[in-house]
Each structure stands twice: as C-alpha cells, then as structure tokens.
Amino acid sequence: MYLIRNVNMANYLLKNGFNLLKIDIDNLDKRRLVFLFADSQLMRDCMSRFSKDGGSKNDSVENSTTALEWEQ
C-alpha cells in the first residue's frame, strides 16, 4: 500500500490512471484524510514527477469540501 495525505497528490495519481483503493481518516491525526493506492514501481516513478510546489491545504477533514475529481 502507498499512503497519500494530500488531495493534490491523490488527484495526480488518479489523472495518471492509478486506482484509489480507499479513503480513510488518519490514525495519527483524526482531522486528516489519507488516500490508499496499490504500491508499484510504476506508481513510484509517476510520483517522482509530481510537482511539490505549494502543497495542499485540502487534505484535512475540515477542508475536504473539494471533491476528488473522480467523484464529480
């Protein structure tokens, strides 16, 4: 499993054809969402190209009003 705590990263993986396995609440911080993807070398290669500029404030439960793109 590959755990993502950032909506922008999760959307990036979805746009690049990776399947989201589960959305859950972080065990360490109940205010944050976590996104679980199957781990693979192809997915890690894709993540290495993800632009990390700016980050995301949309990965907490309170700020989760922005839907993931696959839900729209």
Protein backbone atom coordinates (compact mmCIF):
# COMPACT_ATOMS: atom_id res chain seq x y z
CA MET A 1 0.00 0.00 0.00
CA TYR A 2 1.08 3.57 -0.72
CA LEU A 3 -0.43 6.13 1.64
CA ILE A 4 -1.02 9.72 0.46
CA ARG A 5 -2.07 12.55 2.78
CA ASN A 6 -2.51 15.18 0.10
CA VAL A 7 -5.55 15.69 -2.17
CA ASN A 8 -3.42 17.16 -4.96
CA MET A 9 -1.16 14.10 -4.96
CA ALA A 10 -4.16 11.76 -4.91
CA ASN A 11 -5.73 13.60 -7.84
CA TYR A 12 -2.40 13.47 -9.70
CA LEU A 13 -2.29 9.68 -9.35
CA LEU A 14 -5.93 9.37 -10.42
CA LYS A 15 -5.29 11.52 -13.51
CA ASN A 16 -2.38 9.24 -14.38
CA GLY A 17 -4.53 6.10 -14.28
CA PHE A 18 -3.86 4.73 -10.80
CA ASN A 19 -6.80 3.30 -8.87
CA LEU A 20 -7.68 4.64 -5.44
CA LEU A 21 -8.19 1.71 -3.09
CA LYS A 22 -9.61 3.54 -0.09
CA ILE A 23 -10.10 6.92 1.58
CA ASP A 24 -9.85 6.87 5.35
CA ILE A 25 -9.15 9.07 8.37
CA ASP A 26 -5.54 9.23 9.53
CA ASN A 27 -4.97 7.23 12.73
CA LEU A 28 -2.42 9.76 13.98
CA ASP A 29 -4.45 12.90 13.21
CA LYS A 30 -8.23 12.45 13.09
CA ARG A 31 -8.56 15.78 11.23
CA ARG A 32 -6.71 14.48 8.16
CA LEU A 33 -7.76 12.20 5.32
CA VAL A 34 -5.49 9.52 3.88
CA PHE A 35 -5.71 8.01 0.41
CA LEU A 36 -4.52 4.44 -0.17
CA PHE A 37 -3.13 3.27 -3.51
CA ALA A 38 -1.54 -0.04 -4.53
CA ASP A 39 2.24 0.33 -4.43
CA SER A 40 4.23 -0.37 -7.59
CA GLN A 41 7.42 0.82 -9.23
CA LEU A 42 5.35 2.45 -11.99
CA MET A 43 3.39 4.44 -9.38
CA ARG A 44 6.60 5.49 -7.59
CA ASP A 45 8.06 6.64 -10.92
CA CYS A 46 4.90 8.69 -11.53
CA MET A 47 5.13 10.23 -8.04
CA SER A 48 8.75 11.21 -8.67
CA ARG A 49 7.44 13.55 -11.40
CA PHE A 50 4.81 15.17 -9.15
CA SER A 51 5.42 18.89 -8.66
CA LYS A 52 5.61 19.52 -4.93
CA ASP A 53 5.32 23.31 -5.25
CA GLY A 54 2.76 24.89 -2.96
CA GLY A 55 1.40 21.81 -1.22
CA SER A 56 -2.26 21.43 -0.34
CA LYS A 57 -4.50 22.58 2.47
CA ASN A 58 -7.32 20.35 1.19
CA ASP A 59 -6.26 17.13 2.88
CA SER A 60 -7.93 17.67 6.25
CA VAL A 61 -11.45 16.58 7.13
CA GLU A 62 -12.43 20.21 7.75
CA ASN A 63 -11.16 21.27 4.31
CA SER A 64 -12.45 18.27 2.37
CA THR A 65 -15.30 20.13 0.68
CA THR A 66 -13.30 19.98 -2.56
CA ALA A 67 -14.27 16.62 -4.00
CA LEU A 68 -11.76 14.33 -5.57
CA GLU A 69 -12.04 14.64 -9.31
CA TRP A 70 -13.18 11.04 -9.80
CA GLU A 71 -16.21 11.74 -7.54
CA GLN A 72 -17.51 14.63 -9.66
